[in-house]
Amino acid sequence: AQRMQEAVPRVVAHWVVGATAVWQGHYATAREHLEQGLAQWDWPQYQGQQTRYPVVPGVQCHAYLAVLLWLQGYPDRALAHAQSALTLAHDVAHPYSLAQACAAVGLCYLLQGALPQAVPVFERGLAVSETAHLLPSMRALHGRLGAAYALAARIDEALPLLERALEQTVAMQQPINYAPYA
């Protein structure tokens, strides 16, 4: 990433390496890359290159840093980064990034047991995903919203969402354990 001259590809590289390191359990490497990605994130530079990238790299760095911080035992800091992802995604009006940021914020609330906060954020993300036909986000948000509904004893609403998440996971040929919390 450091050899790349343009800022946006460097941020993308830091996000991809950081996200991969999160799921591999290499937390120090993940944090280093995600924080470097955020330090180098520059919205004006990205604006001219929007069509080159399917995501907003700054949103993704915040969202993955939120997951990492949650896994490391910092739920308040995780939520702050997830909310930063949501603010940025809203500001740039990018549907996929908005859906991903809603998934991150909702997950932080869900893991804290704050169902009244989690449900509307998941519902917003799912609405954005369905409107824009964002299948990966729909799968994750069906699972997360279904889990939140189930925990809130809204079983009649939970089951169809969880079934859709499972169907979409199978159709996308993703591992089953990846379905609701991806």
Protein backbone atom coordinates (compact mmCIF):
# COMPACT_ATOMS: atom_id res chain seq x y z
CA ALA A 1 0.00 0.00 0.00
CA GLN A 2 2.83 2.40 0.79
CA ARG A 3 4.22 2.08 -2.75
CA MET A 4 0.99 3.24 -4.34
CA GLN A 5 0.96 6.89 -5.35
CA GLU A 6 -2.76 7.67 -5.24
CA ALA A 7 -4.40 8.09 -1.85
CA VAL A 8 -7.59 6.18 -2.67
CA PRO A 9 -5.90 2.94 -3.76
CA ARG A 10 -3.74 3.14 -0.62
CA VAL A 11 -6.85 3.44 1.54
CA VAL A 12 -8.46 0.52 -0.30
CA ALA A 13 -5.33 -1.56 0.23
CA HIS A 14 -5.25 -0.74 3.95
CA TRP A 15 -8.96 -1.58 4.26
CA VAL A 16 -8.59 -4.94 2.48
CA VAL A 17 -5.50 -5.96 4.45
CA GLY A 18 -7.07 -4.73 7.70
CA ALA A 19 -10.40 -6.48 7.10
CA THR A 20 -8.65 -9.72 6.20
CA ALA A 21 -6.46 -9.49 9.29
CA VAL A 22 -9.56 -8.97 11.50
CA TRP A 23 -11.07 -12.27 10.35
CA GLN A 24 -7.72 -14.05 10.64
CA GLY A 25 -7.34 -12.89 14.24
CA HIS A 26 -4.28 -10.74 13.53
CA TYR A 27 -5.65 -7.81 15.50
CA ALA A 28 -2.51 -5.65 15.72
CA THR A 29 -2.00 -5.83 11.96
CA ALA A 30 -5.70 -5.17 11.37
CA ARG A 31 -5.75 -2.13 13.60
CA GLU A 32 -2.58 -0.70 12.09
CA HIS A 33 -3.93 -0.95 8.53
CA LEU A 34 -7.46 0.24 9.31
CA GLU A 35 -6.15 3.23 11.24
CA GLN A 36 -3.69 4.04 8.43
CA GLY A 37 -6.56 3.81 5.95
CA LEU A 38 -8.57 6.30 7.98
CA ALA A 39 -5.57 8.62 8.39
CA GLN A 40 -5.13 8.68 4.60
CA TRP A 41 -8.84 8.87 3.74
CA ASP A 42 -9.60 11.97 1.67
CA TRP A 43 -13.18 12.48 0.51
CA PRO A 44 -12.35 15.10 -2.17
CA GLN A 45 -9.89 12.70 -3.82
CA TYR A 46 -12.42 9.88 -3.69
CA GLN A 47 -15.17 11.98 -5.30
CA GLY A 48 -13.35 12.00 -8.61
CA GLN A 49 -12.91 8.22 -8.55
CA GLN A 50 -16.29 7.04 -7.26
CA THR A 51 -17.00 4.89 -10.30
CA ARG A 52 -13.79 2.90 -9.77
CA TYR A 53 -14.82 1.52 -6.39
CA PRO A 54 -18.01 -0.29 -5.35
CA VAL A 55 -17.62 0.91 -1.76
CA VAL A 56 -16.55 4.03 0.10
CA PRO A 57 -13.20 2.95 1.59
CA GLY A 58 -13.43 5.32 4.57
CA VAL A 59 -16.77 3.78 5.55
CA GLN A 60 -15.33 0.29 5.31
CA CYS A 61 -12.30 1.21 7.44
CA HIS A 62 -14.58 2.60 10.16
CA ALA A 63 -16.91 -0.42 9.98
CA TYR A 64 -14.14 -3.00 10.23
CA LEU A 65 -12.43 -1.04 12.97
CA ALA A 66 -15.74 -1.18 14.84
CA VAL A 67 -15.78 -4.99 14.56
CA LEU A 68 -12.15 -5.18 15.64
CA LEU A 69 -12.65 -2.93 18.64
CA TRP A 70 -15.70 -4.94 19.70
CA LEU A 71 -13.67 -8.15 19.49
CA GLN A 72 -10.94 -6.55 21.58
CA GLY A 73 -13.41 -5.58 24.30
CA TYR A 74 -13.98 -1.90 23.53
CA PRO A 75 -17.73 -1.70 22.81
CA ASP A 76 -18.01 2.08 23.26
CA ARG A 77 -15.15 2.76 20.85
CA ALA A 78 -16.58 0.18 18.46
CA LEU A 79 -19.94 1.94 18.44
CA ALA A 80 -18.24 5.31 17.88
CA HIS A 81 -16.47 3.99 14.77
CA ALA A 82 -19.64 2.32 13.51
CA GLN A 83 -21.49 5.62 13.93
CA SER A 84 -18.68 7.43 12.10
CA ALA A 85 -19.13 4.94 9.26
CA LEU A 86 -22.86 5.68 9.23
CA THR A 87 -22.33 9.45 9.22
CA LEU A 88 -19.83 9.25 6.38
CA ALA A 89 -22.02 6.87 4.35
CA HIS A 90 -24.99 9.18 4.81
CA ASP A 91 -22.93 12.23 3.82
CA VAL A 92 -21.69 10.63 0.61
CA ALA A 93 -25.11 9.08 -0.21
CA HIS A 94 -23.65 5.73 -1.24
CA PRO A 95 -26.30 2.98 -0.83
CA TYR A 96 -23.99 -0.02 -0.35
CA SER A 97 -21.84 1.81 2.17
CA LEU A 98 -24.95 3.09 3.95
CA ALA A 99 -26.31 -0.45 4.24
CA GLN A 100 -22.94 -1.72 5.51
CA ALA A 101 -22.70 1.09 8.05
CA CYS A 102 -26.23 0.37 9.29
CA ALA A 103 -25.22 -3.28 9.67
CA ALA A 104 -22.17 -2.25 11.73
CA VAL A 105 -24.05 0.15 14.00
CA GLY A 106 -26.90 -2.30 14.46
CA LEU A 107 -24.47 -5.10 15.29
CA CYS A 108 -22.80 -3.00 17.99
CA TYR A 109 -26.21 -2.31 19.53
CA LEU A 110 -27.29 -5.94 19.15
CA LEU A 111 -24.17 -7.23 20.88
CA GLN A 112 -24.77 -4.78 23.73
CA GLY A 113 -28.33 -6.09 24.06
CA ALA A 114 -29.72 -2.69 23.07
CA LEU A 115 -32.52 -4.08 20.90
CA PRO A 116 -34.59 -0.85 20.77
CA GLN A 117 -31.58 0.86 19.15
CA ALA A 118 -30.52 -2.07 16.96
CA VAL A 119 -33.85 -2.83 15.29
CA PRO A 120 -34.49 0.54 13.57
CA VAL A 121 -30.90 0.75 12.33
CA PHE A 122 -31.13 -2.76 10.85
CA GLU A 123 -34.53 -1.92 9.34
CA ARG A 124 -33.07 1.19 7.70
CA GLY A 125 -30.12 -0.76 6.30
CA LEU A 126 -32.39 -3.51 4.98
CA ALA A 127 -34.67 -0.94 3.31
CA VAL A 128 -31.66 0.65 1.58
CA SER A 129 -30.39 -2.80 0.53
CA GLU A 130 -33.74 -3.90 -0.86
CA THR A 131 -34.29 -0.62 -2.72
CA ALA A 132 -30.84 -0.81 -4.35
CA HIS A 133 -30.94 -4.64 -4.76
CA LEU A 134 -27.74 -5.12 -2.76
CA LEU A 135 -27.77 -8.89 -2.27
CA PRO A 136 -24.75 -9.23 0.07
CA SER A 137 -26.10 -6.53 2.37
CA MET A 138 -29.61 -7.97 2.23
CA ARG A 139 -28.30 -11.37 3.35
CA ALA A 140 -26.41 -9.93 6.30
CA LEU A 141 -29.22 -7.59 7.31
CA HIS A 142 -31.90 -10.27 6.99
CA GLY A 143 -29.87 -12.35 9.43
CA ARG A 144 -29.07 -9.53 11.83
CA LEU A 145 -32.57 -8.08 11.87
CA GLY A 146 -34.01 -11.58 12.23
CA ALA A 147 -31.74 -12.20 15.22
CA ALA A 148 -32.76 -8.87 16.77
CA TYR A 149 -36.45 -9.65 16.26
CA ALA A 150 -35.99 -13.11 17.79
CA LEU A 151 -34.24 -11.67 20.83
CA ALA A 152 -37.07 -9.16 21.16
CA ALA A 153 -39.60 -12.05 21.13
CA ARG A 154 -40.90 -10.96 17.70
CA ILE A 155 -40.71 -14.53 16.40
CA ASP A 156 -43.32 -14.16 13.63
CA GLU A 157 -41.18 -11.38 12.11
CA ALA A 158 -37.86 -13.10 12.84
CA LEU A 159 -38.42 -16.46 11.16
CA PRO A 160 -39.02 -15.23 7.59
CA LEU A 161 -35.93 -13.01 7.79
CA LEU A 162 -33.74 -15.78 9.15
CA GLU A 163 -35.03 -18.16 6.47
CA ARG A 164 -34.21 -15.58 3.77
CA ALA A 165 -30.73 -15.10 5.20
CA LEU A 166 -30.14 -18.84 5.06
CA GLU A 167 -31.52 -19.13 1.51
CA GLN A 168 -29.36 -16.21 0.35
CA THR A 169 -26.30 -17.68 2.03
CA VAL A 170 -26.80 -21.00 0.28
CA ALA A 171 -27.46 -19.26 -3.06
CA MET A 172 -24.30 -17.18 -2.64
CA GLN A 173 -22.35 -20.31 -1.67
CA GLN A 174 -21.15 -18.71 1.58
CA PRO A 175 -20.30 -20.79 4.64
CA ILE A 176 -23.31 -21.17 6.94
CA ASN A 177 -21.48 -19.69 9.93
CA TYR A 178 -20.94 -16.53 7.85
CA ALA A 179 -24.64 -15.84 7.32
CA PRO A 180 -26.14 -13.63 10.01
CA TYR A 181 -23.12 -11.74 11.22
CA ALA A 182 -21.13 -11.11 8.06
